[in-house]
Amino acid sequence: MQQWQENLLKVGKFLVERQQAFLQSRDKLDLVSTPQQLIAQSVGLSNSTVSRIVRGRHILVCNQHSRIIPLHSLCVPVGVGGRTPQQIQQMLIQLIPEESPANPYTDEQLAQLLKIRFCLPITRRTVTKYRKISGIKSSHHRNLTDKKMGSKSRKQGSLLKYQS
């Protein structure tokens, strides 16, 4: 029992140190990629032990607004280029309002922009995956929306849609 508590404390301390920015800001974009394998290697435990420790366990964060956070939510998988999936989605959401309403970016163009602006090497297929998860329509459908609504109302509509 004492060994289990020591292991729980090791994992908890590691996650708190690693996710300090998120715990202070409460912004999911501040989460640092922290796969369970990295935790296991860092604290000297097996992957399965770390998995059992974080499953069903919570951490109480005491600051201005105390809250309880599941430990597993601090174990963020690595996305592309060391970024979390949420960070990649946010980057895409930032790029869409900048596009020309008459000529929206294709997934290939979005991949190139992510590489240039954010130093994020990403394939077109991966851009498509995260674009769909984010609820962003394909360039063809964004272009059709523009033709139906007119470019001014489309731009305003995209800004409202993508600021969540």
Protein backbone atom coordinates (compact mmCIF):
# COMPACT_ATOMS: atom_id res chain seq x y z
CA MET A 1 0.00 0.00 0.00
CA GLN A 2 2.81 2.41 0.84
CA GLN A 3 4.51 1.64 -2.51
CA TRP A 4 1.27 2.46 -4.36
CA GLN A 5 0.97 5.81 -2.56
CA GLU A 6 4.61 6.63 -3.33
CA ASN A 7 4.05 5.84 -7.01
CA LEU A 8 0.88 7.93 -7.07
CA LEU A 9 2.80 10.83 -5.53
CA LYS A 10 5.64 10.47 -8.08
CA VAL A 11 3.25 10.54 -11.02
CA GLY A 12 1.21 13.40 -9.53
CA LYS A 13 4.29 15.55 -8.90
CA PHE A 14 5.61 14.90 -12.40
CA LEU A 15 2.30 15.88 -14.01
CA VAL A 16 1.90 19.01 -11.87
CA GLU A 17 5.41 20.20 -12.75
CA ARG A 18 4.96 19.39 -16.44
CA GLN A 19 1.51 20.99 -16.74
CA GLN A 20 2.15 24.04 -14.56
CA ALA A 21 1.12 26.54 -17.27
CA PHE A 22 -2.19 24.76 -17.87
CA LEU A 23 -2.96 24.46 -14.16
CA GLN A 24 -2.51 28.21 -13.77
CA SER A 25 -4.22 29.39 -16.97
CA ARG A 26 -6.92 26.68 -17.37
CA ASP A 27 -6.38 27.06 -21.14
CA LYS A 28 -6.20 23.68 -22.91
CA LEU A 29 -3.75 25.18 -25.38
CA ASP A 30 -1.23 25.36 -22.54
CA LEU A 31 -1.25 21.58 -22.10
CA VAL A 32 2.15 20.09 -22.85
CA SER A 33 2.35 16.81 -24.74
CA THR A 34 2.81 14.20 -22.02
CA PRO A 35 2.23 10.63 -23.16
CA GLN A 36 2.06 7.96 -20.48
CA GLN A 37 5.26 6.37 -21.82
CA LEU A 38 7.14 9.59 -21.04
CA ILE A 39 5.75 9.65 -17.50
CA ALA A 40 6.72 6.00 -16.99
CA GLN A 41 10.28 6.60 -18.16
CA SER A 42 10.64 9.78 -16.13
CA VAL A 43 9.48 8.33 -12.81
CA GLY A 44 10.87 4.81 -13.28
CA LEU A 45 7.61 2.87 -13.56
CA SER A 46 6.08 0.65 -16.23
CA ASN A 47 3.53 2.01 -18.71
CA SER A 48 0.83 -0.25 -17.28
CA THR A 49 1.48 0.99 -13.73
CA VAL A 50 1.18 4.62 -14.86
CA SER A 51 -2.02 3.75 -16.72
CA ARG A 52 -3.54 2.22 -13.57
CA ILE A 53 -2.42 5.19 -11.47
CA VAL A 54 -3.99 7.88 -13.67
CA ARG A 55 -7.20 5.96 -14.40
CA GLY A 56 -9.93 7.01 -12.01
CA ARG A 57 -7.68 9.32 -9.96
CA HIS A 58 -8.10 13.08 -9.63
CA ILE A 59 -6.04 16.00 -8.46
CA LEU A 60 -7.35 18.91 -6.42
CA VAL A 61 -5.94 22.21 -7.70
CA CYS A 62 -6.09 24.85 -5.01
CA ASN A 63 -5.87 28.44 -6.21
CA GLN A 64 -8.40 31.27 -6.68
CA HIS A 65 -10.91 28.80 -8.11
CA SER A 66 -10.31 25.37 -6.63
CA ARG A 67 -11.18 22.54 -8.98
CA ILE A 68 -10.76 18.80 -9.34
CA ILE A 69 -9.05 17.55 -12.49
CA PRO A 70 -8.81 13.92 -13.63
CA LEU A 71 -5.16 12.86 -13.75
CA HIS A 72 -5.63 11.20 -17.13
CA SER A 73 -6.59 14.57 -18.65
CA LEU A 74 -3.04 15.79 -17.94
CA CYS A 75 -1.62 12.89 -19.99
CA VAL A 76 -1.89 14.54 -23.39
CA PRO A 77 -0.79 12.47 -26.38
CA VAL A 78 1.75 13.84 -28.81
CA GLY A 79 0.20 15.11 -32.01
CA VAL A 80 2.23 16.22 -35.01
CA GLY A 81 5.54 17.99 -34.49
CA GLY A 82 5.30 17.67 -30.71
CA ARG A 83 2.08 19.72 -30.64
CA THR A 84 -1.13 18.56 -29.01
CA PRO A 85 -4.19 17.91 -31.16
CA GLN A 86 -5.90 20.95 -29.59
CA GLN A 87 -2.98 23.18 -30.54
CA ILE A 88 -3.08 21.98 -34.16
CA GLN A 89 -6.82 22.60 -34.34
CA GLN A 90 -6.36 26.10 -32.92
CA MET A 91 -3.70 26.86 -35.54
CA LEU A 92 -6.10 25.85 -38.30
CA ILE A 93 -8.86 27.94 -36.79
CA GLN A 94 -6.51 30.95 -36.81
CA LEU A 95 -5.68 30.50 -40.50
CA ILE A 96 -9.23 30.21 -41.89
CA PRO A 97 -10.41 33.81 -41.25
CA GLU A 98 -7.27 35.06 -43.06
CA GLU A 99 -8.13 33.31 -46.33
CA SER A 100 -9.68 35.00 -49.34
CA PRO A 101 -13.43 34.31 -49.38
CA ALA A 102 -13.34 33.84 -53.15
CA ASN A 103 -10.38 31.45 -52.98
CA PRO A 104 -10.31 29.49 -49.67
CA TYR A 105 -7.20 27.56 -48.71
CA THR A 106 -7.06 23.92 -49.75
CA ASP A 107 -5.83 21.36 -47.25
CA GLU A 108 -2.52 21.27 -49.10
CA GLN A 109 -2.19 25.05 -48.80
CA LEU A 110 -3.09 24.86 -45.11
CA ALA A 111 -0.35 22.24 -44.64
CA GLN A 112 2.17 24.57 -46.30
CA LEU A 113 1.04 27.54 -44.18
CA LEU A 114 1.33 25.49 -40.98
CA LYS A 115 4.86 24.52 -42.01
CA ILE A 116 5.87 28.11 -42.81
CA ARG A 117 4.16 29.99 -39.97
CA PHE A 118 4.33 27.49 -37.14
CA CYS A 119 7.29 25.28 -38.19
CA LEU A 120 4.88 22.37 -38.16
CA PRO A 121 5.66 19.63 -40.66
CA ILE A 122 2.24 18.18 -41.41
CA THR A 123 0.72 16.25 -44.29
CA ARG A 124 -2.42 17.16 -46.20
CA ARG A 125 -4.19 14.07 -44.83
CA THR A 126 -3.44 15.14 -41.27
CA VAL A 127 -4.69 18.66 -41.98
CA THR A 128 -7.91 17.12 -43.33
CA LYS A 129 -8.31 15.06 -40.16
CA TYR A 130 -7.89 18.04 -37.81
CA ARG A 131 -9.97 20.34 -40.06
CA LYS A 132 -12.88 17.89 -39.86
CA ILE A 133 -12.50 17.47 -36.09
CA SER A 134 -12.59 21.27 -35.74
CA GLY A 135 -15.80 21.48 -37.76
CA ILE A 136 -14.20 23.47 -40.59
CA LYS A 137 -15.69 22.76 -44.01
CA SER A 138 -13.55 21.83 -47.02
CA SER A 139 -12.32 24.66 -49.26
CA HIS A 140 -14.93 23.67 -51.85
CA HIS A 141 -17.77 23.98 -49.33
CA ARG A 142 -16.37 27.20 -47.86
CA ASN A 143 -16.29 28.58 -51.41
CA LEU A 144 -19.91 27.49 -52.00
CA THR A 145 -20.90 29.19 -48.74
CA ASP A 146 -19.22 32.36 -49.99
CA LYS A 147 -21.15 32.31 -53.26
CA LYS A 148 -24.49 31.80 -51.49
CA MET A 149 -23.94 34.36 -48.72
CA GLY A 150 -21.70 36.95 -50.35
CA SER A 151 -18.17 37.62 -49.23
CA LYS A 152 -18.96 40.13 -46.44
CA SER A 153 -21.46 37.94 -44.61
CA ARG A 154 -19.23 34.87 -45.07
CA LYS A 155 -16.26 36.57 -43.45
CA GLN A 156 -18.37 37.68 -40.52
CA GLY A 157 -19.89 34.20 -40.26
CA SER A 158 -16.48 32.53 -40.18
CA LEU A 159 -15.22 34.78 -37.46
CA LEU A 160 -18.20 33.98 -35.29
CA LYS A 161 -18.00 30.26 -36.03
CA TYR A 162 -14.31 29.83 -35.33
CA GLN A 163 -13.88 31.91 -32.18
CA SER A 164 -15.02 29.20 -29.75
